[in-house]
């Protein structure tokens, strides 16, 4: 039982970390992609 809880928690932590990293990556892409378009570049 304890092992199952540990594995379940571990998966949730990894999923949360993946989502957080994906959001950061998307933010970086938008930051570098949008300004040139707005400036007409």
PDB file of N, CA and C in Angstrom:
ATOM      1  N   UNK A   1       0.843  -1.203   0.000  1.00  0.00           N
ATOM      2  CA  UNK A   1       0.000   0.000   0.000  1.00  0.00           C
ATOM      3  C   UNK A   1       0.871   1.243   0.000  1.00  0.00           C
ATOM      4  N   UNK A   2       1.867   1.246   0.862  1.00  0.00           N
ATOM      5  CA  UNK A   2       2.757   2.408   0.959  1.00  0.00           C
ATOM      6  C   UNK A   2       3.497   2.624  -0.359  1.00  0.00           C
ATOM      7  N   UNK A   3       3.895   1.516  -0.992  1.00  0.00           N
ATOM      8  CA  UNK A   3       4.607   1.622  -2.266  1.00  0.00           C
ATOM      9  C   UNK A   3       3.700   2.226  -3.332  1.00  0.00           C
ATOM     10  N   UNK A   4       2.431   1.810  -3.338  1.00  0.00           N
ATOM     11  CA  UNK A   4       1.491   2.326  -4.329  1.00  0.00           C
ATOM     12  C   UNK A   4       1.309   3.826  -4.151  1.00  0.00           C
ATOM     13  N   UNK A   5       1.196   4.279  -2.910  1.00  0.00           N
ATOM     14  CA  UNK A   5       1.040   5.710  -2.631  1.00  0.00           C
ATOM     15  C   UNK A   5       2.287   6.461  -3.073  1.00  0.00           C
ATOM     16  N   UNK A   6       3.465   5.870  -2.818  1.00  0.00           N
ATOM     17  CA  UNK A   6       4.724   6.514  -3.191  1.00  0.00           C
ATOM     18  C   UNK A   6       4.826   6.656  -4.706  1.00  0.00           C
ATOM     19  N   UNK A   7       4.473   5.589  -5.436  1.00  0.00           N
ATOM     20  CA  UNK A   7       4.538   5.618  -6.899  1.00  0.00           C
ATOM     21  C   UNK A   7       3.541   6.627  -7.446  1.00  0.00           C
ATOM     22  N   UNK A   8       2.312   6.627  -6.883  1.00  0.00           N
ATOM     23  CA  UNK A   8       1.267   7.552  -7.351  1.00  0.00           C
ATOM     24  C   UNK A   8       1.702   8.992  -7.133  1.00  0.00           C
ATOM     25  N   UNK A   9       2.273   9.281  -5.947  1.00  0.00           N
ATOM     26  CA  UNK A   9       2.747  10.631  -5.649  1.00  0.00           C
ATOM     27  C   UNK A   9       3.888  11.008  -6.586  1.00  0.00           C
ATOM     28  N   UNK A  10       4.782  10.079  -6.826  1.00  0.00           N
ATOM     29  CA  UNK A  10       5.912  10.330  -7.713  1.00  0.00           C
ATOM     30  C   UNK A  10       5.451  10.674  -9.119  1.00  0.00           C
ATOM     31  N   UNK A  11       4.444   9.951  -9.612  1.00  0.00           N
ATOM     32  CA  UNK A  11       3.925  10.234 -10.951  1.00  0.00           C
ATOM     33  C   UNK A  11       3.303  11.617 -11.001  1.00  0.00           C
ATOM     34  N   UNK A  12       2.578  11.988  -9.942  1.00  0.00           N
ATOM     35  CA  UNK A  12       1.947  13.307  -9.910  1.00  0.00           C
ATOM     36  C   UNK A  12       3.004  14.404  -9.891  1.00  0.00           C
ATOM     37  N   UNK A  13       4.070  14.200  -9.131  1.00  0.00           N
ATOM     38  CA  UNK A  13       5.144  15.190  -9.056  1.00  0.00           C
ATOM     39  C   UNK A  13       5.804  15.347 -10.419  1.00  0.00           C
ATOM     40  N   UNK A  14       6.079  14.232 -11.086  1.00  0.00           N
ATOM     41  CA  UNK A  14       6.714  14.288 -12.398  1.00  0.00           C
ATOM     42  C   UNK A  14       5.793  14.961 -13.410  1.00  0.00           C
ATOM     43  N   UNK A  15       4.492  14.669 -13.332  1.00  0.00           N
ATOM     44  CA  UNK A  15       3.538  15.276 -14.255  1.00  0.00           C
ATOM     45  C   UNK A  15       3.468  16.777 -14.025  1.00  0.00           C
ATOM     46  N   UNK A  16       3.440  17.181 -12.749  1.00  0.00           N
ATOM     47  CA  UNK A  16       3.376  18.609 -12.428  1.00  0.00           C
ATOM     48  C   UNK A  16       4.639  19.313 -12.924  1.00  0.00           C
ATOM     49  N   UNK A  17       5.792  18.658 -12.751  1.00  0.00           N
ATOM     50  CA  UNK A  17       7.052  19.239 -13.208  1.00  0.00           C
ATOM     51  C   UNK A  17       7.054  19.376 -14.728  1.00  0.00           C
ATOM     52  N   UNK A  18       6.525  18.354 -15.417  1.00  0.00           N
ATOM     53  CA  UNK A  18       6.469  18.385 -16.882  1.00  0.00           C
ATOM     54  C   UNK A  18       5.579  19.526 -17.360  1.00  0.00           C
ATOM     55  N   UNK A  19       4.414  19.694 -16.709  1.00  0.00           N
ATOM     56  CA  UNK A  19       3.491  20.769 -17.093  1.00  0.00           C
ATOM     57  C   UNK A  19       4.144  22.123 -16.855  1.00  0.00           C
ATOM     58  N   UNK A  20       4.836  22.259 -15.712  1.00  0.00           N
ATOM     59  CA  UNK A  20       5.498  23.518 -15.385  1.00  0.00           C
ATOM     60  C   UNK A  20       6.582  23.831 -16.419  1.00  0.00           C
ATOM     61  N   UNK A  21       7.366  22.818 -16.781  1.00  0.00           N
ATOM     62  CA  UNK A  21       8.428  23.015 -17.768  1.00  0.00           C
ATOM     63  C   UNK A  21       7.836  23.362 -19.131  1.00  0.00           C
ATOM     64  N   UNK A  22       6.725  22.719 -19.478  1.00  0.00           N
ATOM     65  CA  UNK A  22       6.091  22.991 -20.768  1.00  0.00           C
ATOM     66  C   UNK A  22       5.583  24.427 -20.826  1.00  0.00           C
ATOM     67  N   UNK A  23       5.011  24.907 -19.726  1.00  0.00           N
ATOM     68  CA  UNK A  23       4.517  26.282 -19.683  1.00  0.00           C
ATOM     69  C   UNK A  23       5.674  27.262 -19.825  1.00  0.00           C
ATOM     70  N   UNK A  24       6.798  26.979 -19.152  1.00  0.00           N
ATOM     71  CA  UNK A  24       7.962  27.858 -19.254  1.00  0.00           C
ATOM     72  C   UNK A  24       8.490  27.876 -20.683  1.00  0.00           C
ATOM     73  N   UNK A  25       8.542  26.708 -21.314  1.00  0.00           N
ATOM     74  CA  UNK A  25       9.037  26.618 -22.687  1.00  0.00           C
ATOM     75  C   UNK A  25       8.125  27.395 -23.627  1.00  0.00           C
ATOM     76  N   UNK A  26       6.812  27.252 -23.429  1.00  0.00           N
ATOM     77  CA  UNK A  26       5.856  27.969 -24.268  1.00  0.00           C
ATOM     78  C   UNK A  26       6.008  29.470 -24.082  1.00  0.00           C
ATOM     79  N   UNK A  27       6.217  29.898 -22.840  1.00  0.00           N
ATOM     80  CA  UNK A  27       6.383  31.326 -22.560  1.00  0.00           C
ATOM     81  C   UNK A  27       7.626  31.861 -23.265  1.00  0.00           C
ATOM     82  N   UNK A  28       8.712  31.107 -23.217  1.00  0.00           N
ATOM     83  CA  UNK A  28       9.950  31.536 -23.870  1.00  0.00           C
ATOM     84  C   UNK A  28       9.746  31.640 -25.379  1.00  0.00           C
ATOM     85  N   UNK A  29       9.063  30.650 -25.954  1.00  0.00           N
ATOM     86  CA  UNK A  29       8.806  30.669 -27.398  1.00  0.00           C
ATOM     87  C   UNK A  29       7.981  31.893 -27.773  1.00  0.00           C
ATOM     88  N   UNK A  30       6.950  32.186 -26.979  1.00  0.00           N
ATOM     89  CA  UNK A  30       6.099  33.339 -27.278  1.00  0.00           C
ATOM     90  C   UNK A  30       6.881  34.637 -27.142  1.00  0.00           C
ATOM     91  N   UNK A  31       7.725  34.716 -26.107  1.00  0.00           N
ATOM     92  CA  UNK A  31       8.506  35.937 -25.875  1.00  0.00           C
ATOM     93  C   UNK A  31       9.423  36.207 -27.071  1.00  0.00           C
ATOM     94  N   UNK A  32      10.013  35.135 -27.628  1.00  0.00           N
ATOM     95  CA  UNK A  32      10.951  35.330 -28.737  1.00  0.00           C
ATOM     96  C   UNK A  32      10.254  35.403 -30.088  1.00  0.00           C
ATOM     97  N   UNK A  33       9.002  34.928 -30.176  1.00  0.00           N
ATOM     98  CA  UNK A  33       8.328  34.857 -31.472  1.00  0.00           C
ATOM     99  C   UNK A  33       7.424  36.056 -31.722  1.00  0.00           C
ATOM    100  N   UNK A  34       6.798  36.579 -30.672  1.00  0.00           N
ATOM    101  CA  UNK A  34       5.795  37.635 -30.867  1.00  0.00           C
ATOM    102  C   UNK A  34       6.404  39.005 -31.176  1.00  0.00           C
ATOM    103  N   UNK A  35       7.411  39.486 -30.438  1.00  0.00           N
ATOM    104  CA  UNK A  35       7.924  40.842 -30.688  1.00  0.00           C
ATOM    105  C   UNK A  35       8.334  41.099 -32.132  1.00  0.00           C
ATOM    106  N   UNK A  36       9.065  40.212 -32.814  1.00  0.00           N
ATOM    107  CA  UNK A  36       9.437  40.481 -34.209  1.00  0.00           C
ATOM    108  C   UNK A  36       8.208  40.681 -35.089  1.00  0.00           C
ATOM    109  N   UNK A  37       7.155  39.931 -34.847  1.00  0.00           N
ATOM    110  CA  UNK A  37       5.935  40.073 -35.641  1.00  0.00           C
ATOM    111  C   UNK A  37       5.283  41.416 -35.371  1.00  0.00           C
ATOM    112  N   UNK A  38       5.283  41.846 -34.112  1.00  0.00           N
ATOM    113  CA  UNK A  38       4.665  43.121 -33.757  1.00  0.00           C
ATOM    114  C   UNK A  38       5.470  44.285 -34.322  1.00  0.00           C
ATOM    115  N   UNK A  39       6.792  44.088 -34.426  1.00  0.00           N
ATOM    116  CA  UNK A  39       7.654  45.155 -34.927  1.00  0.00           C
ATOM    117  C   UNK A  39       7.741  45.135 -36.451  1.00  0.00           C
ATOM    118  N   UNK A  40       7.098  44.160 -37.081  1.00  0.00           N
ATOM    119  CA  UNK A  40       7.115  44.086 -38.534  1.00  0.00           C
ATOM    120  C   UNK A  40       8.360  43.409 -39.062  1.00  0.00           C
ATOM    121  N   UNK A  41       9.094  42.719 -38.192  1.00  0.00           N
ATOM    122  CA  UNK A  41      10.303  42.047 -38.626  1.00  0.00           C
ATOM    123  C   UNK A  41      10.009  40.656 -39.143  1.00  0.00           C
TER     124      UNK A  41
END
